[in-house]
Amino acid sequence: MESNERYYRRRAIQEILAARHAITANAKERRRLLAESYVRRLSELTGSDESFLLDANPARLQEFA
């Protein structure tokens, strides 16, 4: 079974990438908000600041997954 930490990190990365590929501004905003909520939950779980994921280079995001 996947750990909560791994799940939140994976979902945050998926939403960040989806936001970057979204066509409309509304879709980008929705995806960004979802990504932020997963990053916030991940930070609460790990006790560290994971917000760097939101601004990371897309090519490097897979390293964190």
C-alpha atoms as a PDB file:
ATOM      1  CA  MET A   1       0.000   0.000   0.000  1.00  0.00           C
ATOM      2  CA  GLU A   2       1.206   3.498  -0.874  1.00  0.00           C
ATOM      3  CA  SER A   3       2.136   5.744   2.058  1.00  0.00           C
ATOM      4  CA  ASN A   4       0.333   9.034   2.613  1.00  0.00           C
ATOM      5  CA  GLU A   5       3.545  10.947   2.005  1.00  0.00           C
ATOM      6  CA  ARG A   6       4.137   9.257  -1.325  1.00  0.00           C
ATOM      7  CA  TYR A   7       0.485   9.712  -2.350  1.00  0.00           C
ATOM      8  CA  TYR A   8       0.408  13.449  -1.575  1.00  0.00           C
ATOM      9  CA  ARG A   9       3.735  14.025  -3.330  1.00  0.00           C
ATOM     10  CA  ARG A  10       2.622  12.078  -6.408  1.00  0.00           C
ATOM     11  CA  ARG A  11      -0.738  13.869  -6.603  1.00  0.00           C
ATOM     12  CA  ALA A  12       0.871  17.289  -6.110  1.00  0.00           C
ATOM     13  CA  ILE A  13       3.263  16.618  -8.976  1.00  0.00           C
ATOM     14  CA  GLN A  14       0.461  15.350 -11.205  1.00  0.00           C
ATOM     15  CA  GLU A  15      -1.601  18.476 -10.558  1.00  0.00           C
ATOM     16  CA  ILE A  16       1.371  20.807 -11.060  1.00  0.00           C
ATOM     17  CA  LEU A  17       2.058  19.236 -14.441  1.00  0.00           C
ATOM     18  CA  ALA A  18      -1.637  19.301 -15.358  1.00  0.00           C
ATOM     19  CA  ALA A  19      -1.789  23.003 -14.466  1.00  0.00           C
ATOM     20  CA  ARG A  20       1.166  23.731 -16.713  1.00  0.00           C
ATOM     21  CA  HIS A  21      -0.508  21.905 -19.614  1.00  0.00           C
ATOM     22  CA  ALA A  22      -4.032  23.236 -19.051  1.00  0.00           C
ATOM     23  CA  ILE A  23      -5.508  25.206 -21.908  1.00  0.00           C
ATOM     24  CA  THR A  24      -7.811  27.649 -20.146  1.00  0.00           C
ATOM     25  CA  ALA A  25      -6.992  30.024 -17.313  1.00  0.00           C
ATOM     26  CA  ASN A  26      -9.778  28.518 -15.198  1.00  0.00           C
ATOM     27  CA  ALA A  27      -8.374  25.024 -15.621  1.00  0.00           C
ATOM     28  CA  LYS A  28      -4.875  26.229 -14.737  1.00  0.00           C
ATOM     29  CA  GLU A  29      -6.182  27.918 -11.595  1.00  0.00           C
ATOM     30  CA  ARG A  30      -8.181  24.861 -10.491  1.00  0.00           C
ATOM     31  CA  ARG A  31      -5.214  22.543 -10.999  1.00  0.00           C
ATOM     32  CA  ARG A  32      -2.881  24.962  -9.228  1.00  0.00           C
ATOM     33  CA  LEU A  33      -5.232  25.126  -6.232  1.00  0.00           C
ATOM     34  CA  LEU A  34      -5.402  21.344  -6.087  1.00  0.00           C
ATOM     35  CA  ALA A  35      -1.612  21.134  -6.270  1.00  0.00           C
ATOM     36  CA  GLU A  36      -1.298  23.662  -3.456  1.00  0.00           C
ATOM     37  CA  SER A  37      -3.689  21.669  -1.268  1.00  0.00           C
ATOM     38  CA  TYR A  38      -1.665  18.470  -1.799  1.00  0.00           C
ATOM     39  CA  VAL A  39       1.590  20.305  -1.082  1.00  0.00           C
ATOM     40  CA  ARG A  40       0.076  21.774   2.096  1.00  0.00           C
ATOM     41  CA  ARG A  41      -1.023  18.308   3.258  1.00  0.00           C
ATOM     42  CA  LEU A  42       2.396  16.895   2.409  1.00  0.00           C
ATOM     43  CA  SER A  43       4.099  19.662   4.389  1.00  0.00           C
ATOM     44  CA  GLU A  44       1.856  19.006   7.389  1.00  0.00           C
ATOM     45  CA  LEU A  45       2.605  15.300   7.182  1.00  0.00           C
ATOM     46  CA  THR A  46       6.374  15.602   6.799  1.00  0.00           C
ATOM     47  CA  GLY A  47       6.872  18.671   8.972  1.00  0.00           C
ATOM     48  CA  SER A  48       9.010  20.295   6.270  1.00  0.00           C
ATOM     49  CA  ASP A  49       8.359  22.966   3.677  1.00  0.00           C
ATOM     50  CA  GLU A  50       7.483  21.200   0.436  1.00  0.00           C
ATOM     51  CA  SER A  51       6.333  24.349  -1.393  1.00  0.00           C
ATOM     52  CA  PHE A  52       9.449  24.230  -3.588  1.00  0.00           C
ATOM     53  CA  LEU A  53       7.551  21.633  -5.641  1.00  0.00           C
ATOM     54  CA  LEU A  54       5.173  24.325  -6.885  1.00  0.00           C
ATOM     55  CA  ASP A  55       7.963  26.227  -8.632  1.00  0.00           C
ATOM     56  CA  ALA A  56      10.253  23.347  -9.576  1.00  0.00           C
ATOM     57  CA  ASN A  57      11.366  22.759 -13.132  1.00  0.00           C
ATOM     58  CA  PRO A  58       8.933  20.224 -14.689  1.00  0.00           C
ATOM     59  CA  ALA A  59      11.817  18.022 -15.803  1.00  0.00           C
ATOM     60  CA  ARG A  60      13.025  17.767 -12.196  1.00  0.00           C
ATOM     61  CA  LEU A  61       9.614  17.011 -10.700  1.00  0.00           C
ATOM     62  CA  GLN A  62       9.881  13.342 -11.596  1.00  0.00           C
ATOM     63  CA  GLU A  63      12.965  13.129  -9.363  1.00  0.00           C
ATOM     64  CA  PHE A  64      10.741  13.925  -6.380  1.00  0.00           C
ATOM     65  CA  ALA A  65       7.975  11.468  -7.268  1.00  0.00           C
END
